């Protein structure tokens, strides 16, 4: 039970009656045991199609930091994702090509790289990282 409290949060939302009916219909059609699980699945699927490759690679990096396994982010985030075209493991990293044609790499170190049009690789910096290129004042 302690693990469940650490990975979930209780939220209360007000939905229009018409939306609740649609959720209930989805729940019955998909034979989902409870309404909360039906809502979770619908939200997860809706969010999946709106996430950019940069967002997905950031999520992968967070899972890598938590698990220290390159396979965990692939399993939890990328496999079956509607925007992922291919995934290739290369030993200490993996490459993922997205439907829009861009390829990213996640290194075992946690670095995220993006392949440029010249087939070079550039580091992707996230808000929680400092750039060495900043000019100190």
C-alpha atoms as a PDB file:
ATOM      1  CA  UNK A   1       0.000   0.000   0.000  1.00  0.00           C
ATOM      2  CA  UNK A   2       2.892   2.383   0.716  1.00  0.00           C
ATOM      3  CA  UNK A   3       4.143   1.993  -2.865  1.00  0.00           C
ATOM      4  CA  UNK A   4       0.669   2.843  -4.201  1.00  0.00           C
ATOM      5  CA  UNK A   5       0.576   6.111  -2.226  1.00  0.00           C
ATOM      6  CA  UNK A   6       4.000   7.078  -3.549  1.00  0.00           C
ATOM      7  CA  UNK A   7       3.028   6.565  -7.203  1.00  0.00           C
ATOM      8  CA  UNK A   8      -0.565   7.787  -7.274  1.00  0.00           C
ATOM      9  CA  UNK A   9      -2.513  10.892  -6.288  1.00  0.00           C
ATOM     10  CA  UNK A  10      -6.204  11.278  -5.619  1.00  0.00           C
ATOM     11  CA  UNK A  11      -7.858  14.049  -7.651  1.00  0.00           C
ATOM     12  CA  UNK A  12     -11.466  15.172  -7.917  1.00  0.00           C
ATOM     13  CA  UNK A  13     -12.766  16.626 -11.174  1.00  0.00           C
ATOM     14  CA  UNK A  14     -16.190  17.852 -12.264  1.00  0.00           C
ATOM     15  CA  UNK A  15     -17.243  16.612 -15.718  1.00  0.00           C
ATOM     16  CA  UNK A  16     -20.302  17.446 -17.800  1.00  0.00           C
ATOM     17  CA  UNK A  17     -22.924  14.683 -17.661  1.00  0.00           C
ATOM     18  CA  UNK A  18     -22.470  14.017 -21.392  1.00  0.00           C
ATOM     19  CA  UNK A  19     -18.751  13.316 -20.847  1.00  0.00           C
ATOM     20  CA  UNK A  20     -19.489  10.998 -17.912  1.00  0.00           C
ATOM     21  CA  UNK A  21     -21.871   9.040 -20.165  1.00  0.00           C
ATOM     22  CA  UNK A  22     -19.158   8.721 -22.816  1.00  0.00           C
ATOM     23  CA  UNK A  23     -16.671   7.518 -20.193  1.00  0.00           C
ATOM     24  CA  UNK A  24     -19.191   4.949 -18.902  1.00  0.00           C
ATOM     25  CA  UNK A  25     -19.836   3.721 -22.450  1.00  0.00           C
ATOM     26  CA  UNK A  26     -16.067   3.359 -22.999  1.00  0.00           C
ATOM     27  CA  UNK A  27     -15.723   1.496 -19.701  1.00  0.00           C
ATOM     28  CA  UNK A  28     -18.437  -0.993 -20.648  1.00  0.00           C
ATOM     29  CA  UNK A  29     -17.241  -1.407 -24.239  1.00  0.00           C
ATOM     30  CA  UNK A  30     -13.662  -2.087 -23.128  1.00  0.00           C
ATOM     31  CA  UNK A  31     -14.802  -4.199 -20.135  1.00  0.00           C
ATOM     32  CA  UNK A  32     -12.823  -2.091 -17.670  1.00  0.00           C
ATOM     33  CA  UNK A  33     -13.481  -2.943 -14.018  1.00  0.00           C
ATOM     34  CA  UNK A  34     -13.933   0.599 -12.670  1.00  0.00           C
ATOM     35  CA  UNK A  35     -14.520   4.145 -13.790  1.00  0.00           C
ATOM     36  CA  UNK A  36     -11.216   5.458 -12.429  1.00  0.00           C
ATOM     37  CA  UNK A  37      -9.269   3.023 -14.593  1.00  0.00           C
ATOM     38  CA  UNK A  38     -11.369   3.972 -17.640  1.00  0.00           C
ATOM     39  CA  UNK A  39     -10.620   7.674 -17.088  1.00  0.00           C
ATOM     40  CA  UNK A  40      -6.907   6.931 -16.542  1.00  0.00           C
ATOM     41  CA  UNK A  41      -6.695   5.000 -19.822  1.00  0.00           C
ATOM     42  CA  UNK A  42      -8.531   7.689 -21.780  1.00  0.00           C
ATOM     43  CA  UNK A  43      -6.329  10.456 -20.388  1.00  0.00           C
ATOM     44  CA  UNK A  44      -3.167   8.459 -20.980  1.00  0.00           C
ATOM     45  CA  UNK A  45      -4.087   7.803 -24.604  1.00  0.00           C
ATOM     46  CA  UNK A  46      -5.080  11.424 -25.213  1.00  0.00           C
ATOM     47  CA  UNK A  47      -1.807  12.689 -23.737  1.00  0.00           C
ATOM     48  CA  UNK A  48       0.249  10.195 -25.734  1.00  0.00           C
ATOM     49  CA  UNK A  49      -0.810  11.638 -29.072  1.00  0.00           C
ATOM     50  CA  UNK A  50      -0.003  15.212 -28.001  1.00  0.00           C
ATOM     51  CA  UNK A  51       3.497  14.602 -26.602  1.00  0.00           C
ATOM     52  CA  UNK A  52       6.466  15.755 -28.671  1.00  0.00           C
ATOM     53  CA  UNK A  53       9.583  13.618 -29.183  1.00  0.00           C
ATOM     54  CA  UNK A  54      11.452  15.961 -26.801  1.00  0.00           C
ATOM     55  CA  UNK A  55       8.776  15.379 -24.124  1.00  0.00           C
ATOM     56  CA  UNK A  56       8.968  11.619 -24.599  1.00  0.00           C
ATOM     57  CA  UNK A  57      12.755  11.536 -24.413  1.00  0.00           C
ATOM     58  CA  UNK A  58      12.636  13.598 -21.211  1.00  0.00           C
ATOM     59  CA  UNK A  59      10.250  11.042 -19.707  1.00  0.00           C
ATOM     60  CA  UNK A  60      12.595   8.264 -20.828  1.00  0.00           C
ATOM     61  CA  UNK A  61      15.517  10.017 -19.184  1.00  0.00           C
ATOM     62  CA  UNK A  62      13.607  10.320 -15.894  1.00  0.00           C
ATOM     63  CA  UNK A  63      12.807   6.595 -15.940  1.00  0.00           C
ATOM     64  CA  UNK A  64      16.449   5.772 -16.740  1.00  0.00           C
ATOM     65  CA  UNK A  65      17.542   7.837 -13.717  1.00  0.00           C
ATOM     66  CA  UNK A  66      15.044   6.018 -11.505  1.00  0.00           C
ATOM     67  CA  UNK A  67      15.767   2.478 -12.741  1.00  0.00           C
ATOM     68  CA  UNK A  68      19.299   2.635 -14.216  1.00  0.00           C
ATOM     69  CA  UNK A  69      17.995   0.445 -17.057  1.00  0.00           C
ATOM     70  CA  UNK A  70      17.784   1.416 -20.729  1.00  0.00           C
ATOM     71  CA  UNK A  71      15.029  -1.156 -21.206  1.00  0.00           C
ATOM     72  CA  UNK A  72      12.651   0.376 -18.636  1.00  0.00           C
ATOM     73  CA  UNK A  73      11.925   3.629 -20.514  1.00  0.00           C
ATOM     74  CA  UNK A  74      11.486   1.741 -23.770  1.00  0.00           C
ATOM     75  CA  UNK A  75       8.976  -0.593 -22.142  1.00  0.00           C
ATOM     76  CA  UNK A  76       7.136   2.084 -20.124  1.00  0.00           C
ATOM     77  CA  UNK A  77       7.081   4.943 -22.653  1.00  0.00           C
ATOM     78  CA  UNK A  78       8.014   3.998 -26.194  1.00  0.00           C
ATOM     79  CA  UNK A  79       6.721   0.505 -27.015  1.00  0.00           C
ATOM     80  CA  UNK A  80       3.334   0.855 -28.646  1.00  0.00           C
ATOM     81  CA  UNK A  81       3.466   4.642 -28.698  1.00  0.00           C
ATOM     82  CA  UNK A  82       1.609   5.961 -31.744  1.00  0.00           C
ATOM     83  CA  UNK A  83       4.396   8.399 -32.682  1.00  0.00           C
ATOM     84  CA  UNK A  84       7.290   5.897 -32.532  1.00  0.00           C
ATOM     85  CA  UNK A  85       8.474   4.389 -35.804  1.00  0.00           C
ATOM     86  CA  UNK A  86      11.466   2.324 -34.636  1.00  0.00           C
ATOM     87  CA  UNK A  87      13.676   1.585 -31.624  1.00  0.00           C
ATOM     88  CA  UNK A  88      17.241   0.254 -31.934  1.00  0.00           C
ATOM     89  CA  UNK A  89      19.473  -0.801 -29.011  1.00  0.00           C
ATOM     90  CA  UNK A  90      23.198  -0.082 -29.446  1.00  0.00           C
ATOM     91  CA  UNK A  91      24.747  -1.385 -26.229  1.00  0.00           C
ATOM     92  CA  UNK A  92      25.067   1.686 -23.986  1.00  0.00           C
ATOM     93  CA  UNK A  93      22.276   3.635 -25.667  1.00  0.00           C
ATOM     94  CA  UNK A  94      19.184   3.292 -27.787  1.00  0.00           C
ATOM     95  CA  UNK A  95      17.947   5.242 -30.791  1.00  0.00           C
ATOM     96  CA  UNK A  96      14.300   5.993 -31.381  1.00  0.00           C
ATOM     97  CA  UNK A  97      12.974   7.321 -34.663  1.00  0.00           C
ATOM     98  CA  UNK A  98       9.684   9.135 -34.519  1.00  0.00           C
ATOM     99  CA  UNK A  99       7.048   9.232 -37.259  1.00  0.00           C
ATOM    100  CA  UNK A 100       8.032  12.809 -38.117  1.00  0.00           C
ATOM    101  CA  UNK A 101      11.444  11.439 -39.160  1.00  0.00           C
ATOM    102  CA  UNK A 102      13.647  12.743 -36.338  1.00  0.00           C
ATOM    103  CA  UNK A 103      15.918  10.319 -34.435  1.00  0.00           C
ATOM    104  CA  UNK A 104      16.887  10.720 -30.782  1.00  0.00           C
ATOM    105  CA  UNK A 105      19.337   8.709 -28.715  1.00  0.00           C
ATOM    106  CA  UNK A 106      19.302   8.115 -24.952  1.00  0.00           C
ATOM    107  CA  UNK A 107      22.700   7.243 -23.559  1.00  0.00           C
ATOM    108  CA  UNK A 108      23.236   5.153 -20.428  1.00  0.00           C
ATOM    109  CA  UNK A 109      24.715   8.321 -18.873  1.00  0.00           C
ATOM    110  CA  UNK A 110      21.300  10.005 -19.213  1.00  0.00           C
ATOM    111  CA  UNK A 111      22.321  12.322 -22.043  1.00  0.00           C
ATOM    112  CA  UNK A 112      19.747  12.807 -24.784  1.00  0.00           C
ATOM    113  CA  UNK A 113      21.027  13.433 -28.300  1.00  0.00           C
ATOM    114  CA  UNK A 114      19.202  14.377 -31.498  1.00  0.00           C
ATOM    115  CA  UNK A 115      20.411  13.528 -34.988  1.00  0.00           C
ATOM    116  CA  UNK A 116      20.756  16.596 -37.196  1.00  0.00           C
ATOM    117  CA  UNK A 117      20.077  16.889 -40.919  1.00  0.00           C
ATOM    118  CA  UNK A 118      23.867  16.433 -41.458  1.00  0.00           C
ATOM    119  CA  UNK A 119      23.757  13.126 -39.519  1.00  0.00           C
ATOM    120  CA  UNK A 120      25.676  14.726 -36.645  1.00  0.00           C
ATOM    121  CA  UNK A 121      24.442  14.352 -33.072  1.00  0.00           C
ATOM    122  CA  UNK A 122      23.634  17.318 -30.827  1.00  0.00           C
ATOM    123  CA  UNK A 123      22.896  17.272 -27.104  1.00  0.00           C
ATOM    124  CA  UNK A 124      19.344  18.113 -26.050  1.00  0.00           C
ATOM    125  CA  UNK A 125      19.256  20.334 -22.979  1.00  0.00           C
ATOM    126  CA  UNK A 126      16.283  20.304 -20.654  1.00  0.00           C
ATOM    127  CA  UNK A 127      15.189  23.034 -18.214  1.00  0.00           C
ATOM    128  CA  UNK A 128      16.826  21.260 -15.277  1.00  0.00           C
ATOM    129  CA  UNK A 129      20.238  21.268 -16.960  1.00  0.00           C
ATOM    130  CA  UNK A 130      22.847  23.992 -17.173  1.00  0.00           C
ATOM    131  CA  UNK A 131      24.507  24.791 -20.463  1.00  0.00           C
ATOM    132  CA  UNK A 132      28.291  25.170 -20.507  1.00  0.00           C
ATOM    133  CA  UNK A 133      27.772  27.762 -23.263  1.00  0.00           C
ATOM    134  CA  UNK A 134      26.211  30.329 -20.912  1.00  0.00           C
ATOM    135  CA  UNK A 135      28.140  33.524 -20.475  1.00  0.00           C
ATOM    136  CA  UNK A 136      28.751  34.177 -16.773  1.00  0.00           C
ATOM    137  CA  UNK A 137      28.081  37.728 -15.569  1.00  0.00           C
END
